[in-house]
Amino acid sequence: MLDLYLVNRLIDLWLAEDIGHGDITSLTMIDADAKATFAMNARQPIAVAGVEVAAACFRRYDPGVQITLTANDGDRVAPKTTLLKISGKARSLLTVERTALNIVQHLSGIATETARWMDAIKGTKAKLIDTRKTTPGLRALQKHAVICGGGANHRLGLDSGVMIKDNHIAVCGSIAKAVERARAGAPALVKIEVECDRLEQVKEALAAKADVIMLDNMSLDDMRTAVKLIDGRIPLEASGGVKFDTVRAIAETGVDFISSSKMIQGSPAVDIGLDEA
């Protein structure tokens, strides 16, 4: 899901922010012709995400660097695992080091947290999906990291699906009218999802022939009732207040999807370092 054009635009912003008018330390201490070789190593168990983006940071600044990827996005690796090896001008490597590490630590943190959640619901049919609660400018990368951890993506943006929420319903007057208007105006292949916080709304959304129903902040008992009511006719998504401690119980209700922002918003950066090789 990563487009090189998009990634390079982001890298340009990151490098401009960090370098400013120049890396004073490297420019004053390191000879222009000095060479170096480094290895990027995991220092804890992680699910890898962003190693290719980290490599692209170095290449964007200095196309002459030589990089060998020794791990791939989506891999689960142990401490001391080398993710990539890089050789080239020492100034270039030292100038880009922090930017490259920042992004791979952040994205691998999301992937690692997602993998932890995926392990928690293993054996159920539920699929873990993310939300649009992402850092502005980093959505594509953060959603890529969720995939690397074994999860899946919800909407990528407002233009990739219809989500009818309580305020839309209030303005339109009813779920039936909201779905009818969406069906008439949205592209033919776009799915229509309706957010429901009561079982009566689930029945309305089913009657209106929504493509997906979101069970918003419902109790476990109500989720189980909704699953029986729908009986596999359309997918059900559980959302709202989902936590790691509750995700297993939610998955066991029989819902098809569980959406949460916690894998992205609540994930700490993992420990990855660039060491002399």
C-alpha atoms as a PDB file:
ATOM      1  CA  MET A   1       0.000   0.000   0.000  1.00  0.00           C
ATOM      2  CA  LEU A   2       3.043   2.310   0.092  1.00  0.00           C
ATOM      3  CA  ASP A   3       3.492   4.564  -2.923  1.00  0.00           C
ATOM      4  CA  LEU A   4       7.084   5.737  -3.512  1.00  0.00           C
ATOM      5  CA  TYR A   5       5.935   9.175  -4.680  1.00  0.00           C
ATOM      6  CA  LEU A   6       4.022   9.745  -1.450  1.00  0.00           C
ATOM      7  CA  VAL A   7       6.849   8.389   0.697  1.00  0.00           C
ATOM      8  CA  ASN A   8       9.459  10.617  -0.949  1.00  0.00           C
ATOM      9  CA  ARG A   9       7.291  13.716  -0.440  1.00  0.00           C
ATOM     10  CA  LEU A  10       7.097  12.915   3.264  1.00  0.00           C
ATOM     11  CA  ILE A  11      10.819  12.192   3.518  1.00  0.00           C
ATOM     12  CA  ASP A  12      11.621  15.571   1.984  1.00  0.00           C
ATOM     13  CA  LEU A  13       9.624  17.240   4.763  1.00  0.00           C
ATOM     14  CA  TRP A  14      11.235  15.150   7.490  1.00  0.00           C
ATOM     15  CA  LEU A  15      14.778  15.777   6.304  1.00  0.00           C
ATOM     16  CA  ALA A  16      14.186  19.495   5.805  1.00  0.00           C
ATOM     17  CA  GLU A  17      12.853  19.751   9.356  1.00  0.00           C
ATOM     18  CA  ASP A  18      15.840  17.977  10.934  1.00  0.00           C
ATOM     19  CA  ILE A  19      18.727  19.177   8.771  1.00  0.00           C
ATOM     20  CA  GLY A  20      17.809  22.830   8.432  1.00  0.00           C
ATOM     21  CA  HIS A  21      20.844  24.629   6.990  1.00  0.00           C
ATOM     22  CA  GLY A  22      23.095  21.609   7.471  1.00  0.00           C
ATOM     23  CA  ASP A  23      24.296  18.956   9.919  1.00  0.00           C
ATOM     24  CA  ILE A  24      26.857  21.053  11.805  1.00  0.00           C
ATOM     25  CA  THR A  25      28.227  18.077  13.725  1.00  0.00           C
ATOM     26  CA  SER A  26      28.946  15.896  10.696  1.00  0.00           C
ATOM     27  CA  LEU A  27      30.136  18.764   8.499  1.00  0.00           C
ATOM     28  CA  THR A  28      32.694  19.943  11.059  1.00  0.00           C
ATOM     29  CA  MET A  29      33.900  16.575  12.380  1.00  0.00           C
ATOM     30  CA  ILE A  30      33.698  14.102   9.480  1.00  0.00           C
ATOM     31  CA  ASP A  31      35.911  14.253   6.393  1.00  0.00           C
ATOM     32  CA  ALA A  32      33.986  14.566   3.138  1.00  0.00           C
ATOM     33  CA  ASP A  33      35.502  11.357   1.755  1.00  0.00           C
ATOM     34  CA  ALA A  34      35.137   9.265   4.938  1.00  0.00           C
ATOM     35  CA  LYS A  35      33.204   6.006   4.540  1.00  0.00           C
ATOM     36  CA  ALA A  36      31.211   4.020   7.088  1.00  0.00           C
ATOM     37  CA  THR A  37      29.096   0.880   7.413  1.00  0.00           C
ATOM     38  CA  PHE A  38      26.255   0.514   9.904  1.00  0.00           C
ATOM     39  CA  ALA A  39      23.638  -2.066  10.795  1.00  0.00           C
ATOM     40  CA  MET A  40      20.110  -1.234  11.941  1.00  0.00           C
ATOM     41  CA  ASN A  41      19.310  -3.674  14.748  1.00  0.00           C
ATOM     42  CA  ALA A  42      16.205  -4.521  16.759  1.00  0.00           C
ATOM     43  CA  ARG A  43      16.858  -4.273  20.498  1.00  0.00           C
ATOM     44  CA  GLN A  44      13.611  -5.931  21.590  1.00  0.00           C
ATOM     45  CA  PRO A  45      11.106  -8.392  20.086  1.00  0.00           C
ATOM     46  CA  ILE A  46       9.167  -6.489  17.402  1.00  0.00           C
ATOM     47  CA  ALA A  47       6.910  -6.779  14.395  1.00  0.00           C
ATOM     48  CA  VAL A  48       8.756  -4.919  11.652  1.00  0.00           C
ATOM     49  CA  ALA A  49       7.196  -2.002   9.773  1.00  0.00           C
ATOM     50  CA  GLY A  50       8.850   0.860   7.934  1.00  0.00           C
ATOM     51  CA  VAL A  51      12.238  -0.692   7.230  1.00  0.00           C
ATOM     52  CA  GLU A  52      11.816   0.094   3.533  1.00  0.00           C
ATOM     53  CA  VAL A  53      10.837   3.659   4.409  1.00  0.00           C
ATOM     54  CA  ALA A  54      13.957   3.967   6.561  1.00  0.00           C
ATOM     55  CA  ALA A  55      16.049   2.754   3.637  1.00  0.00           C
ATOM     56  CA  ALA A  56      14.313   5.285   1.378  1.00  0.00           C
ATOM     57  CA  CYS A  57      15.326   8.087   3.785  1.00  0.00           C
ATOM     58  CA  PHE A  58      19.002   7.308   3.243  1.00  0.00           C
ATOM     59  CA  ARG A  59      18.598   6.922  -0.527  1.00  0.00           C
ATOM     60  CA  ARG A  60      16.628  10.157  -0.799  1.00  0.00           C
ATOM     61  CA  TYR A  61      19.456  12.128   0.799  1.00  0.00           C
ATOM     62  CA  ASP A  62      22.291  10.253  -0.907  1.00  0.00           C
ATOM     63  CA  PRO A  63      21.466   7.959  -3.869  1.00  0.00           C
ATOM     64  CA  GLY A  64      25.013   6.588  -3.672  1.00  0.00           C
ATOM     65  CA  VAL A  65      24.540   4.686  -0.419  1.00  0.00           C
ATOM     66  CA  GLN A  66      24.495   0.889  -0.577  1.00  0.00           C
ATOM     67  CA  ILE A  67      21.671  -0.766   1.390  1.00  0.00           C
ATOM     68  CA  THR A  68      20.905  -4.429   1.984  1.00  0.00           C
ATOM     69  CA  LEU A  69      17.558  -5.254   3.599  1.00  0.00           C
ATOM     70  CA  THR A  70      17.883  -8.250   5.920  1.00  0.00           C
ATOM     71  CA  ALA A  71      14.313  -8.144   7.247  1.00  0.00           C
ATOM     72  CA  ASN A  72      10.988  -7.305   5.648  1.00  0.00           C
ATOM     73  CA  ASP A  73       7.940  -5.383   6.766  1.00  0.00           C
ATOM     74  CA  GLY A  74       5.621  -7.841   8.488  1.00  0.00           C
ATOM     75  CA  ASP A  75       8.385  -9.996   9.960  1.00  0.00           C
ATOM     76  CA  ARG A  76       8.371 -10.752  13.670  1.00  0.00           C
ATOM     77  CA  VAL A  77      11.959 -10.659  14.873  1.00  0.00           C
ATOM     78  CA  ALA A  78      13.943 -11.244  18.053  1.00  0.00           C
ATOM     79  CA  PRO A  79      16.335  -8.817  19.766  1.00  0.00           C
ATOM     80  CA  LYS A  80      19.679  -8.346  17.978  1.00  0.00           C
ATOM     81  CA  THR A  81      18.092  -9.077  14.590  1.00  0.00           C
ATOM     82  CA  THR A  82      19.582  -6.894  11.850  1.00  0.00           C
ATOM     83  CA  LEU A  83      16.926  -5.147   9.772  1.00  0.00           C
ATOM     84  CA  LEU A  84      19.245  -3.554   7.211  1.00  0.00           C
ATOM     85  CA  LYS A  85      22.905  -2.882   6.517  1.00  0.00           C
ATOM     86  CA  ILE A  86      24.077   0.370   4.979  1.00  0.00           C
ATOM     87  CA  SER A  87      27.381   1.607   3.602  1.00  0.00           C
ATOM     88  CA  GLY A  88      28.431   4.909   2.065  1.00  0.00           C
ATOM     89  CA  LYS A  89      29.630   8.388   2.897  1.00  0.00           C
ATOM     90  CA  ALA A  90      29.826   8.716   6.660  1.00  0.00           C
ATOM     91  CA  ARG A  91      28.412  12.239   6.576  1.00  0.00           C
ATOM     92  CA  SER A  92      25.308  11.071   4.727  1.00  0.00           C
ATOM     93  CA  LEU A  93      24.642   8.142   7.037  1.00  0.00           C
ATOM     94  CA  LEU A  94      25.077  10.175  10.204  1.00  0.00           C
ATOM     95  CA  THR A  95      22.941  13.041   8.915  1.00  0.00           C
ATOM     96  CA  VAL A  96      19.969  10.801   8.093  1.00  0.00           C
ATOM     97  CA  GLU A  97      20.344   8.368  11.004  1.00  0.00           C
ATOM     98  CA  ARG A  98      17.822   9.937  13.390  1.00  0.00           C
ATOM     99  CA  THR A  99      15.116  10.543  10.785  1.00  0.00           C
ATOM    100  CA  ALA A 100      15.353   6.958   9.528  1.00  0.00           C
ATOM    101  CA  LEU A 101      15.303   5.527  13.047  1.00  0.00           C
ATOM    102  CA  ASN A 102      12.388   7.719  14.148  1.00  0.00           C
ATOM    103  CA  ILE A 103      10.070   6.457  11.438  1.00  0.00           C
ATOM    104  CA  VAL A 104      10.964   2.767  11.686  1.00  0.00           C
ATOM    105  CA  GLN A 105      10.693   2.862  15.490  1.00  0.00           C
ATOM    106  CA  HIS A 106       7.279   4.523  15.289  1.00  0.00           C
ATOM    107  CA  LEU A 107       5.856   2.265  12.590  1.00  0.00           C
ATOM    108  CA  SER A 108       7.287  -0.907  14.119  1.00  0.00           C
ATOM    109  CA  GLY A 109       5.716   0.173  17.404  1.00  0.00           C
ATOM    110  CA  ILE A 110       2.307   0.233  15.727  1.00  0.00           C
ATOM    111  CA  ALA A 111       2.938  -3.118  14.046  1.00  0.00           C
ATOM    112  CA  THR A 112       4.115  -4.664  17.311  1.00  0.00           C
ATOM    113  CA  GLU A 113       1.051  -3.443  19.210  1.00  0.00           C
ATOM    114  CA  THR A 114      -1.234  -4.628  16.411  1.00  0.00           C
ATOM    115  CA  ALA A 115       0.402  -8.069  16.531  1.00  0.00           C
ATOM    116  CA  ARG A 116      -0.244  -8.199  20.278  1.00  0.00           C
ATOM    117  CA  TRP A 117      -3.948  -7.516  19.677  1.00  0.00           C
ATOM    118  CA  MET A 118      -4.066 -10.072  16.878  1.00  0.00           C
ATOM    119  CA  ASP A 119      -2.635 -12.705  19.210  1.00  0.00           C
ATOM    120  CA  ALA A 120      -5.368 -11.846  21.721  1.00  0.00           C
ATOM    121  CA  ILE A 121      -8.204 -12.653  19.272  1.00  0.00           C
ATOM    122  CA  LYS A 122      -6.553 -15.643  17.637  1.00  0.00           C
ATOM    123  CA  GLY A 123      -8.994 -18.484  17.038  1.00  0.00           C
ATOM    124  CA  THR A 124     -12.032 -16.245  16.556  1.00  0.00           C
ATOM    125  CA  LYS A 125     -13.415 -15.134  13.204  1.00  0.00           C
ATOM    126  CA  ALA A 126     -13.111 -11.445  14.072  1.00  0.00           C
ATOM    127  CA  LYS A 127     -10.773  -9.275  12.032  1.00  0.00           C
ATOM    128  CA  LEU A 128      -9.031  -6.344  13.718  1.00  0.00           C
ATOM    129  CA  ILE A 129      -9.232  -3.066  11.786  1.00  0.00           C
ATOM    130  CA  ASP A 130      -7.979   0.459  12.398  1.00  0.00           C
ATOM    131  CA  THR A 131      -9.758   3.831  12.238  1.00  0.00           C
ATOM    132  CA  ARG A 132      -9.191   7.303  10.775  1.00  0.00           C
ATOM    133  CA  LYS A 133      -7.745   8.493  14.105  1.00  0.00           C
ATOM    134  CA  THR A 134      -4.244   8.836  12.693  1.00  0.00           C
ATOM    135  CA  THR A 135      -1.507  11.470  12.834  1.00  0.00           C
ATOM    136  CA  PRO A 136      -2.105  14.065  10.083  1.00  0.00           C
ATOM    137  CA  GLY A 137       0.300  13.401   7.229  1.00  0.00           C
ATOM    138  CA  LEU A 138       1.208   9.898   8.413  1.00  0.00           C
ATOM    139  CA  ARG A 139      -2.049   8.036   7.749  1.00  0.00           C
ATOM    140  CA  ALA A 140      -0.815   5.929   4.843  1.00  0.00           C
ATOM    141  CA  LEU A 141       2.280   4.856   6.766  1.00  0.00           C
ATOM    142  CA  GLN A 142       0.443   4.182  10.028  1.00  0.00           C
ATOM    143  CA  LYS A 143      -2.206   2.112   8.270  1.00  0.00           C
ATOM    144  CA  HIS A 144       0.578   0.232   6.470  1.00  0.00           C
ATOM    145  CA  ALA A 145       2.043  -0.546   9.894  1.00  0.00           C
ATOM    146  CA  VAL A 146      -1.292  -2.000  11.054  1.00  0.00           C
ATOM    147  CA  ILE A 147      -1.211  -4.372   8.080  1.00  0.00           C
ATOM    148  CA  CYS A 148       2.379  -5.325   8.947  1.00  0.00           C
ATOM    149  CA  GLY A 149       1.156  -6.328  12.405  1.00  0.00           C
ATOM    150  CA  GLY A 150      -1.515  -8.597  10.938  1.00  0.00           C
ATOM    151  CA  GLY A 151      -4.475  -6.221  11.145  1.00  0.00           C
ATOM    152  CA  ALA A 152      -6.497  -4.653   8.340  1.00  0.00           C
ATOM    153  CA  ASN A 153      -7.555  -1.172   7.314  1.00  0.00           C
ATOM    154  CA  HIS A 154     -10.961   0.460   7.680  1.00  0.00           C
ATOM    155  CA  ARG A 155     -11.604   3.464   5.436  1.00  0.00           C
ATOM    156  CA  LEU A 156      -8.440   5.153   4.193  1.00  0.00           C
ATOM    157  CA  GLY A 157     -10.300   8.463   4.064  1.00  0.00           C
ATOM    158  CA  LEU A 158     -13.690  10.064   3.639  1.00  0.00           C
ATOM    159  CA  ASP A 159     -13.646   9.218  -0.062  1.00  0.00           C
ATOM    160  CA  SER A 160     -13.300   5.456   0.374  1.00  0.00           C
ATOM    161  CA  GLY A 161     -16.653   4.579   1.881  1.00  0.00           C
ATOM    162  CA  VAL A 162     -19.946   5.869   3.289  1.00  0.00           C
ATOM    163  CA  MET A 163     -20.161   5.930   7.082  1.00  0.00           C
ATOM    164  CA  ILE A 164     -23.589   7.020   8.315  1.00  0.00           C
ATOM    165  CA  LYS A 165     -23.249   8.166  11.930  1.00  0.00           C
ATOM    166  CA  ASP A 166     -25.741   9.502  14.457  1.00  0.00           C
ATOM    167  CA  ASN A 167     -25.441  13.120  13.292  1.00  0.00           C
ATOM    168  CA  HIS A 168     -26.015  12.126   9.652  1.00  0.00           C
ATOM    169  CA  ILE A 169     -29.122  10.224  10.732  1.00  0.00           C
ATOM    170  CA  ALA A 170     -30.335  13.198  12.767  1.00  0.00           C
ATOM    171  CA  VAL A 171     -30.036  15.530   9.777  1.00  0.00           C
ATOM    172  CA  CYS A 172     -31.611  13.093   7.303  1.00  0.00           C
ATOM    173  CA  GLY A 173     -34.437  12.122   9.657  1.00  0.00           C
ATOM    174  CA  SER A 174     -34.015   8.336   9.735  1.00  0.00           C
ATOM    175  CA  ILE A 175     -31.644   5.493   8.912  1.00  0.00           C
ATOM    176  CA  ALA A 176     -33.815   4.506   5.956  1.00  0.00           C
ATOM    177  CA  LYS A 177     -33.645   7.991   4.414  1.00  0.00           C
ATOM    178  CA  ALA A 178     -29.906   8.258   5.044  1.00  0.00           C
ATOM    179  CA  VAL A 179     -29.176   4.931   3.367  1.00  0.00           C
ATOM    180  CA  GLU A 180     -31.514   5.760   0.478  1.00  0.00           C
ATOM    181  CA  ARG A 181     -29.748   9.066  -0.206  1.00  0.00           C
ATOM    182  CA  ALA A 182     -26.314   7.507   0.109  1.00  0.00           C
ATOM    183  CA  ARG A 183     -27.264   4.689  -2.252  1.00  0.00           C
ATOM    184  CA  ALA A 184     -28.530   7.157  -4.831  1.00  0.00           C
ATOM    185  CA  GLY A 185     -25.503   9.422  -4.749  1.00  0.00           C
ATOM    186  CA  ALA A 186     -22.459   7.279  -3.924  1.00  0.00           C
ATOM    187  CA  PRO A 187     -20.438   5.412  -6.576  1.00  0.00           C
ATOM    188  CA  ALA A 188     -21.895   2.001  -7.326  1.00  0.00           C
ATOM    189  CA  LEU A 189     -19.097  -0.027  -5.762  1.00  0.00           C
ATOM    190  CA  VAL A 190     -18.783   2.007  -2.559  1.00  0.00           C
ATOM    191  CA  LYS A 191     -20.053   0.257   0.573  1.00  0.00           C
ATOM    192  CA  ILE A 192     -22.495   1.903   2.958  1.00  0.00           C
ATOM    193  CA  GLU A 193     -22.021   1.366   6.686  1.00  0.00           C
ATOM    194  CA  VAL A 194     -24.469   2.479   9.379  1.00  0.00           C
ATOM    195  CA  GLU A 195     -23.483   3.188  12.970  1.00  0.00           C
ATOM    196  CA  CYS A 196     -26.012   1.786  15.465  1.00  0.00           C
ATOM    197  CA  ASP A 197     -25.970   2.138  19.238  1.00  0.00           C
ATOM    198  CA  ARG A 198     -29.289   0.369  19.877  1.00  0.00           C
ATOM    199  CA  LEU A 199     -30.719  -2.939  18.697  1.00  0.00           C
ATOM    200  CA  GLU A 200     -33.725  -1.136  17.203  1.00  0.00           C
ATOM    201  CA  GLN A 201     -31.324   0.720  14.911  1.00  0.00           C
ATOM    202  CA  VAL A 202     -29.714  -2.567  13.878  1.00  0.00           C
ATOM    203  CA  LYS A 203     -33.120  -3.745  12.670  1.00  0.00           C
ATOM    204  CA  GLU A 204     -33.635  -0.459  10.793  1.00  0.00           C
ATOM    205  CA  ALA A 205     -30.219  -0.694   9.117  1.00  0.00           C
ATOM    206  CA  LEU A 206     -30.893  -4.290   8.099  1.00  0.00           C
ATOM    207  CA  ALA A 207     -34.244  -3.322   6.614  1.00  0.00           C
ATOM    208  CA  ALA A 208     -32.606  -0.417   4.777  1.00  0.00           C
ATOM    209  CA  LYS A 209     -30.146  -2.890   3.226  1.00  0.00           C
ATOM    210  CA  ALA A 210     -26.956  -1.337   4.564  1.00  0.00           C
ATOM    211  CA  ASP A 211     -23.795  -3.126   3.497  1.00  0.00           C
ATOM    212  CA  VAL A 212     -22.191  -3.100   6.959  1.00  0.00           C
ATOM    213  CA  ILE A 213     -23.532  -2.376  10.437  1.00  0.00           C
ATOM    214  CA  MET A 214     -21.374  -0.883  13.189  1.00  0.00           C
ATOM    215  CA  LEU A 215     -22.296  -1.811  16.750  1.00  0.00           C
ATOM    216  CA  ASP A 216     -21.228   1.323  18.577  1.00  0.00           C
ATOM    217  CA  ASN A 217     -20.462   1.061  22.304  1.00  0.00           C
ATOM    218  CA  MET A 218     -22.863  -1.830  22.737  1.00  0.00           C
ATOM    219  CA  SER A 219     -22.721  -4.247  25.646  1.00  0.00           C
ATOM    220  CA  LEU A 220     -21.504  -7.789  25.046  1.00  0.00           C
ATOM    221  CA  ASP A 221     -25.049  -9.086  25.490  1.00  0.00           C
ATOM    222  CA  ASP A 222     -26.394  -6.671  22.885  1.00  0.00           C
ATOM    223  CA  MET A 223     -23.595  -7.621  20.488  1.00  0.00           C
ATOM    224  CA  ARG A 224     -24.490 -11.298  20.854  1.00  0.00           C
ATOM    225  CA  THR A 225     -28.154 -10.462  20.245  1.00  0.00           C
ATOM    226  CA  ALA A 226     -27.242  -8.456  17.134  1.00  0.00           C
ATOM    227  CA  VAL A 227     -25.149 -11.342  15.808  1.00  0.00           C
ATOM    228  CA  LYS A 228     -28.133 -13.689  16.176  1.00  0.00           C
ATOM    229  CA  LEU A 229     -30.482 -11.122  14.635  1.00  0.00           C
ATOM    230  CA  ILE A 230     -28.295 -10.543  11.572  1.00  0.00           C
ATOM    231  CA  ASP A 231     -27.470 -14.259  11.249  1.00  0.00           C
ATOM    232  CA  GLY A 232     -24.606 -13.700   8.812  1.00  0.00           C
ATOM    233  CA  ARG A 233     -26.628 -11.690   6.288  1.00  0.00           C
ATOM    234  CA  ILE A 234     -24.325  -8.663   6.433  1.00  0.00           C
ATOM    235  CA  PRO A 235     -21.026  -7.995   8.248  1.00  0.00           C
ATOM    236  CA  LEU A 236     -21.049  -6.589  11.768  1.00  0.00           C
ATOM    237  CA  GLU A 237     -18.355  -4.298  13.151  1.00  0.00           C
ATOM    238  CA  ALA A 238     -17.887  -3.710  16.880  1.00  0.00           C
ATOM    239  CA  SER A 239     -16.492  -0.286  17.752  1.00  0.00           C
ATOM    240  CA  GLY A 240     -16.261   2.286  20.503  1.00  0.00           C
ATOM    241  CA  GLY A 241     -14.214   2.004  23.672  1.00  0.00           C
ATOM    242  CA  VAL A 242     -12.462  -1.184  22.574  1.00  0.00           C
ATOM    243  CA  LYS A 243      -9.448  -1.931  24.768  1.00  0.00           C
ATOM    244  CA  PHE A 244      -6.837  -4.665  24.769  1.00  0.00           C
ATOM    245  CA  ASP A 245      -8.383  -6.118  27.929  1.00  0.00           C
ATOM    246  CA  THR A 246     -11.832  -6.350  26.296  1.00  0.00           C
ATOM    247  CA  VAL A 247     -11.012  -7.246  22.692  1.00  0.00           C
ATOM    248  CA  ARG A 248     -11.070 -11.029  23.237  1.00  0.00           C
ATOM    249  CA  ALA A 249     -14.527 -10.981  24.798  1.00  0.00           C
ATOM    250  CA  ILE A 250     -15.800  -8.789  21.968  1.00  0.00           C
ATOM    251  CA  ALA A 251     -14.345 -11.144  19.365  1.00  0.00           C
ATOM    252  CA  GLU A 252     -16.075 -14.087  21.027  1.00  0.00           C
ATOM    253  CA  THR A 253     -19.516 -12.486  20.490  1.00  0.00           C
ATOM    254  CA  GLY A 254     -19.254 -13.492  16.832  1.00  0.00           C
ATOM    255  CA  VAL A 255     -18.807 -10.080  15.193  1.00  0.00           C
ATOM    256  CA  ASP A 256     -16.922  -9.944  11.900  1.00  0.00           C
ATOM    257  CA  PHE A 257     -14.793  -6.843  12.560  1.00  0.00           C
ATOM    258  CA  ILE A 258     -13.457  -5.010  15.594  1.00  0.00           C
ATOM    259  CA  SER A 259     -12.233  -1.464  15.034  1.00  0.00           C
ATOM    260  CA  SER A 260      -9.988   0.445  17.406  1.00  0.00           C
ATOM    261  CA  SER A 261      -7.686   3.440  17.336  1.00  0.00           C
ATOM    262  CA  LYS A 262      -5.542   2.103  20.170  1.00  0.00           C
ATOM    263  CA  MET A 263      -3.078   0.180  17.984  1.00  0.00           C
ATOM    264  CA  ILE A 264      -2.012   3.486  16.435  1.00  0.00           C
ATOM    265  CA  GLN A 265      -2.689   6.065  19.129  1.00  0.00           C
ATOM    266  CA  GLY A 266      -1.561   3.933  22.058  1.00  0.00           C
ATOM    267  CA  SER A 267       1.532   2.244  20.664  1.00  0.00           C
ATOM    268  CA  PRO A 268       4.968   3.194  22.056  1.00  0.00           C
ATOM    269  CA  ALA A 269       7.962   3.441  19.750  1.00  0.00           C
ATOM    270  CA  VAL A 270      10.109   0.303  19.862  1.00  0.00           C
ATOM    271  CA  ASP A 271      13.857   0.205  20.474  1.00  0.00           C
ATOM    272  CA  ILE A 272      15.868   0.008  17.253  1.00  0.00           C
ATOM    273  CA  GLY A 273      19.426   1.273  16.896  1.00  0.00           C
ATOM    274  CA  LEU A 274      22.002   1.995  14.219  1.00  0.00           C
ATOM    275  CA  ASP A 275      25.266   0.329  15.191  1.00  0.00           C
ATOM    276  CA  GLU A 276      28.707   0.234  13.624  1.00  0.00           C
ATOM    277  CA  ALA A 277      29.065  -2.930  11.566  1.00  0.00           C
END
